[in-house]
Each structure stands twice: as structure tokens, then as C-alpha cells.
């Protein structure tokens, strides 16, 4: 089983690289950066996000994050449940085989999976949105997608099932349910329609700005220079960094729990101030992702003789 899941990780890297155009072999460490005293290679930063082969398909203990937001994902793939009086919003479905795990986590928290009315996604990679069709089949949820990710989602057909898309949104559009409103911010680069969702959450009489970063990662194999499929990919990343830096952020979350240090924060739940309130953490993740992007871009420009 571990070997099969390890192969799935390699396939995921290859598929991601293929979608971005030909580039570095997936096993190369790539350039390295040091941010806030932490050194990463391109490969190790990617590995930080996806974890080991079992991490993508093993449930992390479901828990309350802040306000009406709960975590119901795996060890390395984030899924969030936003609970409202009119039904619930699910953010990310991950792999189709994870949908039963997500359902179980929701039920462990005392909620009902069939109360899911809206399904949102972070970006059109299989490890984040492959399960959309199954979630819709089981709950009838409205599936919402950023316009720029529609082509990639349309090609995502686990078991031959067409990918459902009930509503297409654009940068700045909102999704509302039961008094909660989320805003879609186009933060492209990682995918054409990579989406960072923002909302507010209230706890102990105070309102917090929550930012769920879609992804700012430059995966091994991504081709930023002379990419015939995405000629302006570097410029799209630049837009993503500018957009995310401008967002008000009290509570940073992300499409992978490592993007906001969930493993370190989880043991602190209920032992003092809410550990997920971490404005500095949002800046730290953006700084790390942007530093890696610039290192990869510089290396690829040099290789192409563009310095």
C-alpha cells in the first residue's frame, strides 16, 4: 500500500509539471533559499506540503479553527467546513478516495455531510479537487469554480465522471450562505485559476480576517520561462504575491496544513489564546513562496540565456 501511494505522489508531481510545461526533473533538489532562518530546496518545500505517501490519505483529527470554521482534511491536504444556519460550505474535496474520510471527520464534529450546500476549491490539481463529483453526488452541493481553472477542472474526470461546475466566479466575486460571505481572489501561477478565499470569523466578541491561501508554490517541473502553454506564467505569480500581500490577515490558512504550521498549532488548542490567530504566519508563508519563486525564475532565466 505504501508503495502504491508513493507512486501516486510521483504521478502527482509529474502531472503537475506536465500541466505547467516541460521543466526540471521532479527529483532534482532545485535551487535553495533561506527565509526566517529556515533553508529549503525547491524539492524539500514541495515535500513539506505533500508530506509522505500516507499523509495525503490519512485523516488529521478534525477540529475547530475559529468562529464557524472547522478543519476536516488529511495530514497534508486541507479541507475546511464553514458552518452556517442555512447549511455548510466545504472548501476542497481532495482526492476522490478521501471523500469518505472527509464525511467521517464532519460527522465526528457533530455535523451532517448532507448539509453541505456549496463546494469551493483552492486550485485545479487532483489532490485538491478530484473529489468534487463525488461530493456533489452525495450532498447535491453547488460546485463553484474560478473561471481560469474551468478548463483544467473539465479535464479532471475520476472514473470517467464529468467534473461538475454549477457556478463560475471571477476575481472579487463573493459566495454567501447563512450570513457568511467568502470572497474569491484570483492568485494565479500555481494554476491559472488558483483561488485564495477570504472571510471573517467572530470569536469572543472579536472579528478576525481569515485568509485561505490557494497556493503560491513553484513545484518541481514548473516551467516559468519560455512556457508555450502559459507564456506569462511568471507575471501571473507576480500578481498572486501582490494580491496576497494586500489582504488583511489575522488567521492564515492554506491548501496544505504545513502552509500554516498546523502540526505545531494543533497541540496548543484550548491551552491559551487561539493558536490560529497568527498574522506573522501569513507573511512568513508568502515570503517563503516568493523567495522560492524568484530563485527558480533566476535559475531558469540563466539556463535560457536570458540574464
C-alpha atoms as a PDB file:
ATOM      1  CA  UNK A   1       0.000   0.000   0.000  1.00  0.00           C
ATOM      2  CA  UNK A   2       2.780   2.436   0.886  1.00  0.00           C
ATOM      3  CA  UNK A   3       4.474   1.696  -2.450  1.00  0.00           C
ATOM      4  CA  UNK A   4       1.259   2.394  -4.342  1.00  0.00           C
ATOM      5  CA  UNK A   5       0.727   5.670  -2.518  1.00  0.00           C
ATOM      6  CA  UNK A   6       4.356   6.650  -3.072  1.00  0.00           C
ATOM      7  CA  UNK A   7       3.809   6.070  -6.780  1.00  0.00           C
ATOM      8  CA  UNK A   8       0.748   8.314  -6.580  1.00  0.00           C
ATOM      9  CA  UNK A   9       2.884  11.103  -5.148  1.00  0.00           C
ATOM     10  CA  UNK A  10       5.355  10.786  -8.017  1.00  0.00           C
ATOM     11  CA  UNK A  11       2.473  10.764 -10.505  1.00  0.00           C
ATOM     12  CA  UNK A  12       1.069  13.896  -8.891  1.00  0.00           C
ATOM     13  CA  UNK A  13       4.389  15.707  -9.346  1.00  0.00           C
ATOM     14  CA  UNK A  14       4.623  14.574 -12.940  1.00  0.00           C
ATOM     15  CA  UNK A  15       1.062  15.613 -13.736  1.00  0.00           C
ATOM     16  CA  UNK A  16       1.581  18.998 -12.125  1.00  0.00           C
ATOM     17  CA  UNK A  17       4.795  19.548 -14.067  1.00  0.00           C
ATOM     18  CA  UNK A  18       3.147  18.446 -17.304  1.00  0.00           C
ATOM     19  CA  UNK A  19       0.332  20.924 -16.809  1.00  0.00           C
ATOM     20  CA  UNK A  20       2.855  23.709 -16.472  1.00  0.00           C
ATOM     21  CA  UNK A  21       5.003  22.661 -19.416  1.00  0.00           C
ATOM     22  CA  UNK A  22       8.280  20.728 -19.547  1.00  0.00           C
ATOM     23  CA  UNK A  23      10.871  21.615 -16.954  1.00  0.00           C
ATOM     24  CA  UNK A  24      13.156  20.281 -14.267  1.00  0.00           C
ATOM     25  CA  UNK A  25      13.004  16.587 -13.412  1.00  0.00           C
ATOM     26  CA  UNK A  26      10.831  16.051 -10.369  1.00  0.00           C
ATOM     27  CA  UNK A  27      13.638  14.525  -8.294  1.00  0.00           C
ATOM     28  CA  UNK A  28      16.116  17.404  -8.663  1.00  0.00           C
ATOM     29  CA  UNK A  29      16.511  19.378  -5.427  1.00  0.00           C
ATOM     30  CA  UNK A  30      16.383  22.626  -7.381  1.00  0.00           C
ATOM     31  CA  UNK A  31      17.568  25.974  -6.045  1.00  0.00           C
ATOM     32  CA  UNK A  32      17.680  26.678  -2.320  1.00  0.00           C
ATOM     33  CA  UNK A  33      16.526  29.633  -0.238  1.00  0.00           C
ATOM     34  CA  UNK A  34      16.764  30.678   3.397  1.00  0.00           C
ATOM     35  CA  UNK A  35      13.870  32.618   4.913  1.00  0.00           C
ATOM     36  CA  UNK A  36      13.461  33.369   8.625  1.00  0.00           C
ATOM     37  CA  UNK A  37      16.353  31.066   9.419  1.00  0.00           C
ATOM     38  CA  UNK A  38      14.814  28.090   7.577  1.00  0.00           C
ATOM     39  CA  UNK A  39      16.543  26.688   4.473  1.00  0.00           C
ATOM     40  CA  UNK A  40      14.550  24.973   1.744  1.00  0.00           C
ATOM     41  CA  UNK A  41      15.287  23.469  -1.631  1.00  0.00           C
ATOM     42  CA  UNK A  42      12.574  23.535  -4.255  1.00  0.00           C
ATOM     43  CA  UNK A  43      12.015  19.814  -3.758  1.00  0.00           C
ATOM     44  CA  UNK A  44      12.002  19.945   0.056  1.00  0.00           C
ATOM     45  CA  UNK A  45       9.486  22.787   0.112  1.00  0.00           C
ATOM     46  CA  UNK A  46       7.220  20.799  -2.184  1.00  0.00           C
ATOM     47  CA  UNK A  47       7.696  17.744   0.041  1.00  0.00           C
ATOM     48  CA  UNK A  48       6.847  19.843   3.102  1.00  0.00           C
ATOM     49  CA  UNK A  49       3.428  20.417   1.570  1.00  0.00           C
ATOM     50  CA  UNK A  50       2.521  16.934   0.372  1.00  0.00           C
ATOM     51  CA  UNK A  51       4.236  15.032   3.192  1.00  0.00           C
ATOM     52  CA  UNK A  52       4.775  11.296   2.979  1.00  0.00           C
ATOM     53  CA  UNK A  53       2.670   8.928   0.852  1.00  0.00           C
ATOM     54  CA  UNK A  54       0.260   8.160   3.698  1.00  0.00           C
ATOM     55  CA  UNK A  55      -0.187  11.794   4.746  1.00  0.00           C
ATOM     56  CA  UNK A  56      -2.396  12.680   1.798  1.00  0.00           C
ATOM     57  CA  UNK A  57      -4.910   9.943   2.609  1.00  0.00           C
ATOM     58  CA  UNK A  58      -4.814   9.762   6.429  1.00  0.00           C
ATOM     59  CA  UNK A  59      -7.302  11.933   8.303  1.00  0.00           C
ATOM     60  CA  UNK A  60      -5.939  14.581  10.659  1.00  0.00           C
ATOM     61  CA  UNK A  61      -8.018  14.935  13.839  1.00  0.00           C
ATOM     62  CA  UNK A  62     -10.978  17.150  12.893  1.00  0.00           C
ATOM     63  CA  UNK A  63     -11.070  20.310  14.967  1.00  0.00           C
ATOM     64  CA  UNK A  64     -12.402  23.799  15.428  1.00  0.00           C
ATOM     65  CA  UNK A  65     -10.255  26.525  13.903  1.00  0.00           C
ATOM     66  CA  UNK A  66     -12.032  29.787  14.693  1.00  0.00           C
ATOM     67  CA  UNK A  67     -15.575  31.135  14.588  1.00  0.00           C
ATOM     68  CA  UNK A  68     -17.640  28.890  12.323  1.00  0.00           C
ATOM     69  CA  UNK A  69     -14.609  27.336  10.577  1.00  0.00           C
ATOM     70  CA  UNK A  70     -13.508  23.733  11.133  1.00  0.00           C
ATOM     71  CA  UNK A  71     -10.734  21.520   9.768  1.00  0.00           C
ATOM     72  CA  UNK A  72     -11.850  18.195   8.242  1.00  0.00           C
ATOM     73  CA  UNK A  73      -8.909  17.305   5.989  1.00  0.00           C
ATOM     74  CA  UNK A  74      -5.974  14.908   5.979  1.00  0.00           C
ATOM     75  CA  UNK A  75      -2.466  15.231   7.344  1.00  0.00           C
ATOM     76  CA  UNK A  76      -1.266  17.071   4.247  1.00  0.00           C
ATOM     77  CA  UNK A  77      -4.365  18.126   2.288  1.00  0.00           C
ATOM     78  CA  UNK A  78      -6.552  20.816   3.803  1.00  0.00           C
ATOM     79  CA  UNK A  79     -10.330  20.699   3.807  1.00  0.00           C
ATOM     80  CA  UNK A  80     -12.383  23.302   5.679  1.00  0.00           C
ATOM     81  CA  UNK A  81     -16.011  23.229   6.759  1.00  0.00           C
ATOM     82  CA  UNK A  82     -17.744  26.578   7.201  1.00  0.00           C
ATOM     83  CA  UNK A  83     -20.915  26.067   9.229  1.00  0.00           C
ATOM     84  CA  UNK A  84     -23.935  28.351   8.794  1.00  0.00           C
ATOM     85  CA  UNK A  85     -27.625  28.236   9.809  1.00  0.00           C
ATOM     86  CA  UNK A  86     -28.547  27.715   6.134  1.00  0.00           C
ATOM     87  CA  UNK A  87     -26.234  24.772   5.571  1.00  0.00           C
ATOM     88  CA  UNK A  88     -22.496  24.391   5.240  1.00  0.00           C
ATOM     89  CA  UNK A  89     -19.705  25.300   2.833  1.00  0.00           C
ATOM     90  CA  UNK A  90     -16.921  22.826   2.092  1.00  0.00           C
ATOM     91  CA  UNK A  91     -13.588  24.086   0.778  1.00  0.00           C
ATOM     92  CA  UNK A  92     -11.650  21.411  -1.177  1.00  0.00           C
ATOM     93  CA  UNK A  93     -12.602  17.785  -1.766  1.00  0.00           C
ATOM     94  CA  UNK A  94      -9.027  16.426  -2.238  1.00  0.00           C
ATOM     95  CA  UNK A  95      -8.734  13.003  -3.870  1.00  0.00           C
ATOM     96  CA  UNK A  96     -11.965  11.149  -4.564  1.00  0.00           C
ATOM     97  CA  UNK A  97     -10.835   8.301  -2.294  1.00  0.00           C
ATOM     98  CA  UNK A  98     -10.637  10.804   0.587  1.00  0.00           C
ATOM     99  CA  UNK A  99     -14.286  11.854   0.429  1.00  0.00           C
ATOM    100  CA  UNK A 100     -15.413   9.161   2.932  1.00  0.00           C
ATOM    101  CA  UNK A 101     -12.682  10.381   5.316  1.00  0.00           C
ATOM    102  CA  UNK A 102     -13.949  13.928   4.980  1.00  0.00           C
ATOM    103  CA  UNK A 103     -17.512  12.785   5.641  1.00  0.00           C
ATOM    104  CA  UNK A 104     -16.404  10.896   8.747  1.00  0.00           C
ATOM    105  CA  UNK A 105     -14.490  13.919  10.064  1.00  0.00           C
ATOM    106  CA  UNK A 106     -17.530  16.149   9.563  1.00  0.00           C
ATOM    107  CA  UNK A 107     -19.718  13.677  11.441  1.00  0.00           C
ATOM    108  CA  UNK A 108     -17.173  13.359  14.264  1.00  0.00           C
ATOM    109  CA  UNK A 109     -17.598  17.088  14.836  1.00  0.00           C
ATOM    110  CA  UNK A 110     -21.357  16.609  15.125  1.00  0.00           C
ATOM    111  CA  UNK A 111     -22.324  17.978  11.721  1.00  0.00           C
ATOM    112  CA  UNK A 112     -24.102  16.290   8.817  1.00  0.00           C
ATOM    113  CA  UNK A 113     -22.329  15.748   5.500  1.00  0.00           C
ATOM    114  CA  UNK A 114     -25.554  16.122   3.517  1.00  0.00           C
ATOM    115  CA  UNK A 115     -25.898  19.658   4.908  1.00  0.00           C
ATOM    116  CA  UNK A 116     -23.073  20.694   2.555  1.00  0.00           C
ATOM    117  CA  UNK A 117     -24.720  23.238   0.248  1.00  0.00           C
ATOM    118  CA  UNK A 118     -21.688  24.757  -1.511  1.00  0.00           C
ATOM    119  CA  UNK A 119     -18.346  23.257  -2.544  1.00  0.00           C
ATOM    120  CA  UNK A 120     -15.414  25.598  -3.229  1.00  0.00           C
ATOM    121  CA  UNK A 121     -11.878  24.763  -4.331  1.00  0.00           C
ATOM    122  CA  UNK A 122      -8.392  26.184  -3.998  1.00  0.00           C
ATOM    123  CA  UNK A 123      -6.942  25.150  -7.354  1.00  0.00           C
ATOM    124  CA  UNK A 124      -7.372  22.649 -10.164  1.00  0.00           C
ATOM    125  CA  UNK A 125      -4.980  19.902  -9.091  1.00  0.00           C
ATOM    126  CA  UNK A 126      -6.278  16.416  -8.390  1.00  0.00           C
ATOM    127  CA  UNK A 127      -5.044  16.355  -4.809  1.00  0.00           C
ATOM    128  CA  UNK A 128      -7.348  19.273  -4.021  1.00  0.00           C
ATOM    129  CA  UNK A 129     -10.402  18.934  -6.279  1.00  0.00           C
ATOM    130  CA  UNK A 130     -10.580  15.432  -7.751  1.00  0.00           C
ATOM    131  CA  UNK A 131     -13.385  14.507  -5.340  1.00  0.00           C
ATOM    132  CA  UNK A 132     -15.757  17.290  -6.418  1.00  0.00           C
ATOM    133  CA  UNK A 133     -18.025  14.958  -8.414  1.00  0.00           C
ATOM    134  CA  UNK A 134     -18.417  12.536  -5.512  1.00  0.00           C
ATOM    135  CA  UNK A 135     -19.166  15.316  -3.026  1.00  0.00           C
ATOM    136  CA  UNK A 136     -21.848  16.657  -5.348  1.00  0.00           C
ATOM    137  CA  UNK A 137     -23.262  13.162  -5.868  1.00  0.00           C
ATOM    138  CA  UNK A 138     -23.525  12.561  -2.112  1.00  0.00           C
ATOM    139  CA  UNK A 139     -24.697  16.013  -1.000  1.00  0.00           C
ATOM    140  CA  UNK A 140     -26.120  17.850  -4.002  1.00  0.00           C
ATOM    141  CA  UNK A 141     -23.815  20.791  -3.223  1.00  0.00           C
ATOM    142  CA  UNK A 142     -23.393  23.613  -5.695  1.00  0.00           C
ATOM    143  CA  UNK A 143     -19.860  23.384  -7.112  1.00  0.00           C
ATOM    144  CA  UNK A 144     -18.184  26.767  -7.592  1.00  0.00           C
ATOM    145  CA  UNK A 145     -15.057  27.296  -9.715  1.00  0.00           C
ATOM    146  CA  UNK A 146     -12.815  30.211 -10.692  1.00  0.00           C
ATOM    147  CA  UNK A 147     -13.173  30.899 -14.418  1.00  0.00           C
ATOM    148  CA  UNK A 148      -9.484  30.485 -15.211  1.00  0.00           C
ATOM    149  CA  UNK A 149      -9.467  26.964 -13.702  1.00  0.00           C
ATOM    150  CA  UNK A 150     -12.517  25.702 -15.598  1.00  0.00           C
ATOM    151  CA  UNK A 151     -10.528  24.075 -18.466  1.00  0.00           C
ATOM    152  CA  UNK A 152      -8.253  22.166 -16.071  1.00  0.00           C
ATOM    153  CA  UNK A 153     -11.204  21.082 -13.928  1.00  0.00           C
ATOM    154  CA  UNK A 154     -13.057  19.928 -17.034  1.00  0.00           C
ATOM    155  CA  UNK A 155     -10.216  17.516 -17.746  1.00  0.00           C
ATOM    156  CA  UNK A 156     -10.419  16.068 -14.212  1.00  0.00           C
ATOM    157  CA  UNK A 157     -12.670  13.019 -14.585  1.00  0.00           C
ATOM    158  CA  UNK A 158     -12.039  10.331 -11.949  1.00  0.00           C
ATOM    159  CA  UNK A 159     -13.612   7.087 -13.092  1.00  0.00           C
ATOM    160  CA  UNK A 160     -14.805   8.858 -16.225  1.00  0.00           C
ATOM    161  CA  UNK A 161     -17.210  11.081 -14.296  1.00  0.00           C
ATOM    162  CA  UNK A 162     -17.528  14.605 -15.734  1.00  0.00           C
ATOM    163  CA  UNK A 163     -16.383  17.343 -13.391  1.00  0.00           C
ATOM    164  CA  UNK A 164     -19.403  19.291 -12.112  1.00  0.00           C
ATOM    165  CA  UNK A 165     -19.330  23.090 -12.252  1.00  0.00           C
ATOM    166  CA  UNK A 166     -22.543  24.847 -11.254  1.00  0.00           C
ATOM    167  CA  UNK A 167     -21.281  28.392 -10.883  1.00  0.00           C
ATOM    168  CA  UNK A 168     -18.276  30.153 -12.380  1.00  0.00           C
ATOM    169  CA  UNK A 169     -16.791  33.046 -10.399  1.00  0.00           C
ATOM    170  CA  UNK A 170     -14.257  35.722 -11.259  1.00  0.00           C
ATOM    171  CA  UNK A 171     -11.752  37.692  -9.230  1.00  0.00           C
ATOM    172  CA  UNK A 172     -13.547  39.617  -6.497  1.00  0.00           C
ATOM    173  CA  UNK A 173     -16.821  37.684  -6.676  1.00  0.00           C
ATOM    174  CA  UNK A 174     -18.451  36.571  -3.451  1.00  0.00           C
ATOM    175  CA  UNK A 175     -20.138  33.388  -2.280  1.00  0.00           C
ATOM    176  CA  UNK A 176     -22.655  33.799   0.526  1.00  0.00           C
ATOM    177  CA  UNK A 177     -24.643  31.400   2.683  1.00  0.00           C
ATOM    178  CA  UNK A 178     -26.395  31.777   6.030  1.00  0.00           C
ATOM    179  CA  UNK A 179     -24.782  35.098   6.934  1.00  0.00           C
ATOM    180  CA  UNK A 180     -21.228  34.106   5.940  1.00  0.00           C
ATOM    181  CA  UNK A 181     -19.617  35.651   2.867  1.00  0.00           C
ATOM    182  CA  UNK A 182     -16.420  34.458   1.209  1.00  0.00           C
ATOM    183  CA  UNK A 183     -14.559  36.488  -1.397  1.00  0.00           C
ATOM    184  CA  UNK A 184     -12.673  34.836  -4.258  1.00  0.00           C
ATOM    185  CA  UNK A 185      -9.267  36.349  -5.047  1.00  0.00           C
ATOM    186  CA  UNK A 186      -7.546  35.214  -8.230  1.00  0.00           C
ATOM    187  CA  UNK A 187      -3.976  34.340  -7.217  1.00  0.00           C
ATOM    188  CA  UNK A 188      -2.667  32.576 -10.334  1.00  0.00           C
ATOM    189  CA  UNK A 189       0.659  30.955 -11.126  1.00  0.00           C
ATOM    190  CA  UNK A 190       0.337  27.627  -9.352  1.00  0.00           C
ATOM    191  CA  UNK A 191      -2.701  27.110 -11.600  1.00  0.00           C
ATOM    192  CA  UNK A 192      -4.343  29.603 -13.930  1.00  0.00           C
ATOM    193  CA  UNK A 193      -7.325  29.982 -11.600  1.00  0.00           C
ATOM    194  CA  UNK A 194      -5.717  29.382  -8.238  1.00  0.00           C
ATOM    195  CA  UNK A 195      -8.053  30.962  -5.708  1.00  0.00           C
ATOM    196  CA  UNK A 196      -7.389  32.488  -2.303  1.00  0.00           C
ATOM    197  CA  UNK A 197     -10.595  32.723  -0.275  1.00  0.00           C
ATOM    198  CA  UNK A 198     -11.141  35.324   2.434  1.00  0.00           C
ATOM    199  CA  UNK A 199     -13.843  35.626   5.062  1.00  0.00           C
ATOM    200  CA  UNK A 200     -14.295  36.949   8.567  1.00  0.00           C
ATOM    201  CA  UNK A 201     -14.815  34.895  11.703  1.00  0.00           C
ATOM    202  CA  UNK A 202     -16.025  36.052  15.092  1.00  0.00           C
ATOM    203  CA  UNK A 203     -14.716  34.655  18.374  1.00  0.00           C
ATOM    204  CA  UNK A 204     -15.054  36.042  21.906  1.00  0.00           C
ATOM    205  CA  UNK A 205     -16.644  39.195  20.584  1.00  0.00           C
ATOM    206  CA  UNK A 206     -13.845  39.984  18.143  1.00  0.00           C
ATOM    207  CA  UNK A 207     -13.869  39.703  14.354  1.00  0.00           C
ATOM    208  CA  UNK A 208     -10.847  38.225  12.568  1.00  0.00           C
ATOM    209  CA  UNK A 209      -9.809  38.313   8.908  1.00  0.00           C
ATOM    210  CA  UNK A 210      -9.226  34.773   7.653  1.00  0.00           C
ATOM    211  CA  UNK A 211      -7.135  34.091   4.535  1.00  0.00           C
ATOM    212  CA  UNK A 212      -7.137  30.620   2.937  1.00  0.00           C
ATOM    213  CA  UNK A 213      -4.223  30.752   0.502  1.00  0.00           C
ATOM    214  CA  UNK A 214      -4.847  28.677  -2.637  1.00  0.00           C
ATOM    215  CA  UNK A 215      -1.151  28.060  -3.259  1.00  0.00           C
ATOM    216  CA  UNK A 216       1.874  30.154  -4.110  1.00  0.00           C
ATOM    217  CA  UNK A 217       4.195  27.188  -4.624  1.00  0.00           C
ATOM    218  CA  UNK A 218       6.593  26.724  -7.527  1.00  0.00           C
ATOM    219  CA  UNK A 219       6.547  22.948  -7.858  1.00  0.00           C
ATOM    220  CA  UNK A 220       9.440  20.944  -9.280  1.00  0.00           C
ATOM    221  CA  UNK A 221       8.925  20.780 -13.040  1.00  0.00           C
ATOM    222  CA  UNK A 222       7.116  24.112 -13.345  1.00  0.00           C
ATOM    223  CA  UNK A 223       8.444  25.995 -16.374  1.00  0.00           C
ATOM    224  CA  UNK A 224       8.375  29.738 -15.755  1.00  0.00           C
ATOM    225  CA  UNK A 225      10.479  30.738 -18.773  1.00  0.00           C
ATOM    226  CA  UNK A 226       9.564  30.140 -22.427  1.00  0.00           C
ATOM    227  CA  UNK A 227       6.476  28.141 -21.496  1.00  0.00           C
ATOM    228  CA  UNK A 228       4.356  27.814 -24.658  1.00  0.00           C
ATOM    229  CA  UNK A 229       1.297  26.786 -22.654  1.00  0.00           C
ATOM    230  CA  UNK A 230       1.469  29.735 -20.234  1.00  0.00           C
ATOM    231  CA  UNK A 231       3.686  32.432 -21.799  1.00  0.00           C
ATOM    232  CA  UNK A 232       3.108  34.895 -18.947  1.00  0.00           C
ATOM    233  CA  UNK A 233       3.270  32.478 -16.019  1.00  0.00           C
ATOM    234  CA  UNK A 234       5.921  34.480 -14.150  1.00  0.00           C
ATOM    235  CA  UNK A 235       3.721  37.569 -14.395  1.00  0.00           C
ATOM    236  CA  UNK A 236       0.790  35.568 -13.039  1.00  0.00           C
ATOM    237  CA  UNK A 237       2.853  34.628  -9.989  1.00  0.00           C
ATOM    238  CA  UNK A 238       3.778  38.285  -9.524  1.00  0.00           C
ATOM    239  CA  UNK A 239       0.072  39.117  -9.446  1.00  0.00           C
ATOM    240  CA  UNK A 240      -0.542  36.414  -6.838  1.00  0.00           C
ATOM    241  CA  UNK A 241       2.146  37.746  -4.496  1.00  0.00           C
ATOM    242  CA  UNK A 242       0.896  41.313  -4.875  1.00  0.00           C
ATOM    243  CA  UNK A 243      -2.681  40.254  -4.191  1.00  0.00           C
ATOM    244  CA  UNK A 244      -1.976  38.114  -1.131  1.00  0.00           C
ATOM    245  CA  UNK A 245       0.300  40.715   0.440  1.00  0.00           C
ATOM    246  CA  UNK A 246      -2.505  43.272   0.212  1.00  0.00           C
ATOM    247  CA  UNK A 247      -5.024  41.123   2.093  1.00  0.00           C
ATOM    248  CA  UNK A 248      -5.840  41.738   5.742  1.00  0.00           C
ATOM    249  CA  UNK A 249      -4.812  38.575   7.539  1.00  0.00           C
ATOM    250  CA  UNK A 250      -5.279  37.624  11.184  1.00  0.00           C
ATOM    251  CA  UNK A 251      -5.736  33.896  10.615  1.00  0.00           C
ATOM    252  CA  UNK A 252      -3.616  32.329   7.835  1.00  0.00           C
ATOM    253  CA  UNK A 253      -4.801  29.009   6.446  1.00  0.00           C
ATOM    254  CA  UNK A 254      -3.876  27.204   3.230  1.00  0.00           C
ATOM    255  CA  UNK A 255      -4.494  24.337   0.853  1.00  0.00           C
ATOM    256  CA  UNK A 256      -1.836  22.323   2.713  1.00  0.00           C
ATOM    257  CA  UNK A 257      -1.778  22.435   6.541  1.00  0.00           C
ATOM    258  CA  UNK A 258       2.016  22.826   6.532  1.00  0.00           C
ATOM    259  CA  UNK A 259       1.471  26.259   4.980  1.00  0.00           C
ATOM    260  CA  UNK A 260       0.300  27.473   8.402  1.00  0.00           C
ATOM    261  CA  UNK A 261       2.133  25.055  10.740  1.00  0.00           C
ATOM    262  CA  UNK A 262      -0.933  23.051  11.745  1.00  0.00           C
ATOM    263  CA  UNK A 263       1.107  20.317  13.448  1.00  0.00           C
ATOM    264  CA  UNK A 264       2.680  22.887  15.779  1.00  0.00           C
ATOM    265  CA  UNK A 265      -0.557  24.754  16.415  1.00  0.00           C
ATOM    266  CA  UNK A 266      -2.911  21.827  16.952  1.00  0.00           C
ATOM    267  CA  UNK A 267      -1.487  20.751  20.355  1.00  0.00           C
ATOM    268  CA  UNK A 268      -1.988  24.322  21.625  1.00  0.00           C
ATOM    269  CA  UNK A 269      -5.745  24.346  21.004  1.00  0.00           C
ATOM    270  CA  UNK A 270      -7.573  25.146  24.248  1.00  0.00           C
ATOM    271  CA  UNK A 271      -4.376  25.900  26.157  1.00  0.00           C
ATOM    272  CA  UNK A 272      -4.404  29.676  25.872  1.00  0.00           C
ATOM    273  CA  UNK A 273      -5.024  32.158  23.058  1.00  0.00           C
ATOM    274  CA  UNK A 274      -6.257  30.658  19.803  1.00  0.00           C
ATOM    275  CA  UNK A 275      -3.048  29.458  18.079  1.00  0.00           C
ATOM    276  CA  UNK A 276      -4.527  30.003  14.632  1.00  0.00           C
ATOM    277  CA  UNK A 277      -4.526  33.773  15.173  1.00  0.00           C
ATOM    278  CA  UNK A 278      -1.114  34.376  13.637  1.00  0.00           C
ATOM    279  CA  UNK A 279      -0.762  37.481  11.436  1.00  0.00           C
ATOM    280  CA  UNK A 280       3.000  36.940  11.145  1.00  0.00           C
ATOM    281  CA  UNK A 281       2.402  33.445   9.802  1.00  0.00           C
ATOM    282  CA  UNK A 282       0.661  34.776   6.725  1.00  0.00           C
ATOM    283  CA  UNK A 283       3.611  36.994   5.838  1.00  0.00           C
ATOM    284  CA  UNK A 284       6.067  34.177   6.534  1.00  0.00           C
ATOM    285  CA  UNK A 285       4.368  31.824   4.063  1.00  0.00           C
ATOM    286  CA  UNK A 286       4.203  34.481   1.364  1.00  0.00           C
ATOM    287  CA  UNK A 287       7.860  35.414   1.942  1.00  0.00           C
ATOM    288  CA  UNK A 288       8.948  31.780   1.629  1.00  0.00           C
ATOM    289  CA  UNK A 289       6.923  31.093  -1.500  1.00  0.00           C
ATOM    290  CA  UNK A 290       8.046  34.298  -3.196  1.00  0.00           C
ATOM    291  CA  UNK A 291      11.711  33.706  -2.380  1.00  0.00           C
ATOM    292  CA  UNK A 292      11.497  30.247  -3.961  1.00  0.00           C
ATOM    293  CA  UNK A 293       9.685  31.599  -6.995  1.00  0.00           C
ATOM    294  CA  UNK A 294      12.411  34.194  -7.552  1.00  0.00           C
ATOM    295  CA  UNK A 295      15.167  31.610  -7.114  1.00  0.00           C
ATOM    296  CA  UNK A 296      13.539  29.246  -9.619  1.00  0.00           C
ATOM    297  CA  UNK A 297      12.892  32.078 -12.066  1.00  0.00           C
ATOM    298  CA  UNK A 298      16.508  33.265 -11.868  1.00  0.00           C
ATOM    299  CA  UNK A 299      17.835  29.741 -12.421  1.00  0.00           C
ATOM    300  CA  UNK A 300      15.574  29.161 -15.417  1.00  0.00           C
ATOM    301  CA  UNK A 301      16.429  32.539 -16.953  1.00  0.00           C
ATOM    302  CA  UNK A 302      20.117  31.751 -16.599  1.00  0.00           C
ATOM    303  CA  UNK A 303      19.644  28.351 -18.234  1.00  0.00           C
ATOM    304  CA  UNK A 304      17.783  30.021 -21.104  1.00  0.00           C
ATOM    305  CA  UNK A 305      20.495  32.670 -21.530  1.00  0.00           C
ATOM    306  CA  UNK A 306      18.155  35.479 -20.502  1.00  0.00           C
ATOM    307  CA  UNK A 307      20.266  37.034 -17.706  1.00  0.00           C
END
